[in-house]
């Protein structure tokens, strides 16, 4: 029997809520919203819910241009 274990990348989230993004990045909520307003973080809105793309957050932390 061959059971494949998912890789860490397969289990990584595609996006974070604002609260989750603050936790994983150690960035404060106010500064996170400032980054969003400056267009430095890519977000998706679903109704009232704001999700920050994991790719955008990772690029910001790693110093890559968005």
C-alpha atoms as a PDB file:
ATOM      1  CA  UNK A   1       0.000   0.000   0.000  1.00  0.00           C
ATOM      2  CA  UNK A   2       1.489   3.338  -1.090  1.00  0.00           C
ATOM      3  CA  UNK A   3       0.165   6.304   0.894  1.00  0.00           C
ATOM      4  CA  UNK A   4       1.528   9.663  -0.178  1.00  0.00           C
ATOM      5  CA  UNK A   5       2.129  12.210   2.539  1.00  0.00           C
ATOM      6  CA  UNK A   6       1.296  15.760   1.468  1.00  0.00           C
ATOM      7  CA  UNK A   7       4.271  18.096   1.362  1.00  0.00           C
ATOM      8  CA  UNK A   8       4.453  21.177   3.560  1.00  0.00           C
ATOM      9  CA  UNK A   9       3.828  23.334   0.479  1.00  0.00           C
ATOM     10  CA  UNK A  10       0.599  21.471  -0.254  1.00  0.00           C
ATOM     11  CA  UNK A  11      -0.630  22.234   3.259  1.00  0.00           C
ATOM     12  CA  UNK A  12       0.474  25.881   3.286  1.00  0.00           C
ATOM     13  CA  UNK A  13      -2.403  28.393   3.299  1.00  0.00           C
ATOM     14  CA  UNK A  14      -3.152  30.390   0.156  1.00  0.00           C
ATOM     15  CA  UNK A  15      -4.263  33.418   2.167  1.00  0.00           C
ATOM     16  CA  UNK A  16      -4.475  34.729   5.719  1.00  0.00           C
ATOM     17  CA  UNK A  17      -7.065  36.745   7.581  1.00  0.00           C
ATOM     18  CA  UNK A  18      -5.753  40.027   8.997  1.00  0.00           C
ATOM     19  CA  UNK A  19      -5.421  38.440  12.462  1.00  0.00           C
ATOM     20  CA  UNK A  20      -3.594  35.400  11.085  1.00  0.00           C
ATOM     21  CA  UNK A  21      -1.267  37.587   8.991  1.00  0.00           C
ATOM     22  CA  UNK A  22      -0.385  39.585  12.109  1.00  0.00           C
ATOM     23  CA  UNK A  23       0.472  36.397  13.994  1.00  0.00           C
ATOM     24  CA  UNK A  24       2.573  34.732  11.307  1.00  0.00           C
ATOM     25  CA  UNK A  25       4.463  37.895  10.336  1.00  0.00           C
ATOM     26  CA  UNK A  26       4.753  39.615  13.737  1.00  0.00           C
ATOM     27  CA  UNK A  27       3.456  42.792  12.101  1.00  0.00           C
ATOM     28  CA  UNK A  28       0.983  44.900  14.046  1.00  0.00           C
ATOM     29  CA  UNK A  29      -2.592  45.287  12.845  1.00  0.00           C
ATOM     30  CA  UNK A  30      -2.321  49.052  12.232  1.00  0.00           C
ATOM     31  CA  UNK A  31       0.897  48.711  10.221  1.00  0.00           C
ATOM     32  CA  UNK A  32      -0.579  45.774   8.283  1.00  0.00           C
ATOM     33  CA  UNK A  33      -3.535  47.945   7.227  1.00  0.00           C
ATOM     34  CA  UNK A  34      -1.092  50.709   6.295  1.00  0.00           C
ATOM     35  CA  UNK A  35       0.766  48.271   4.020  1.00  0.00           C
ATOM     36  CA  UNK A  36      -2.553  47.244   2.463  1.00  0.00           C
ATOM     37  CA  UNK A  37      -3.530  50.890   1.851  1.00  0.00           C
ATOM     38  CA  UNK A  38      -0.117  51.585   0.283  1.00  0.00           C
ATOM     39  CA  UNK A  39      -0.674  48.645  -2.092  1.00  0.00           C
ATOM     40  CA  UNK A  40       2.308  46.727  -0.713  1.00  0.00           C
ATOM     41  CA  UNK A  41       0.153  43.734   0.254  1.00  0.00           C
ATOM     42  CA  UNK A  42      -2.254  42.018  -2.109  1.00  0.00           C
ATOM     43  CA  UNK A  43      -5.683  41.418  -0.614  1.00  0.00           C
ATOM     44  CA  UNK A  44      -8.925  39.773  -1.666  1.00  0.00           C
ATOM     45  CA  UNK A  45     -12.288  40.814  -0.283  1.00  0.00           C
ATOM     46  CA  UNK A  46     -15.048  38.274   0.263  1.00  0.00           C
ATOM     47  CA  UNK A  47     -17.991  40.213   1.626  1.00  0.00           C
ATOM     48  CA  UNK A  48     -16.650  41.913   4.744  1.00  0.00           C
ATOM     49  CA  UNK A  49     -13.771  39.466   5.063  1.00  0.00           C
ATOM     50  CA  UNK A  50     -10.301  40.634   4.001  1.00  0.00           C
ATOM     51  CA  UNK A  51      -7.769  37.967   3.068  1.00  0.00           C
ATOM     52  CA  UNK A  52      -4.097  38.698   2.471  1.00  0.00           C
ATOM     53  CA  UNK A  53      -2.486  36.429  -0.082  1.00  0.00           C
ATOM     54  CA  UNK A  54       0.283  34.270   1.344  1.00  0.00           C
ATOM     55  CA  UNK A  55       2.431  34.983  -1.708  1.00  0.00           C
ATOM     56  CA  UNK A  56       2.184  38.741  -1.125  1.00  0.00           C
ATOM     57  CA  UNK A  57       2.950  38.458   2.596  1.00  0.00           C
ATOM     58  CA  UNK A  58       5.915  36.173   1.918  1.00  0.00           C
ATOM     59  CA  UNK A  59       7.272  38.552  -0.745  1.00  0.00           C
ATOM     60  CA  UNK A  60       7.023  41.474   1.669  1.00  0.00           C
ATOM     61  CA  UNK A  61       8.844  39.610   4.436  1.00  0.00           C
ATOM     62  CA  UNK A  62      11.528  38.283   2.083  1.00  0.00           C
ATOM     63  CA  UNK A  63      12.074  41.753   0.603  1.00  0.00           C
ATOM     64  CA  UNK A  64      10.901  40.950  -2.911  1.00  0.00           C
ATOM     65  CA  UNK A  65       9.041  43.562  -4.975  1.00  0.00           C
ATOM     66  CA  UNK A  66       5.294  42.923  -5.206  1.00  0.00           C
END
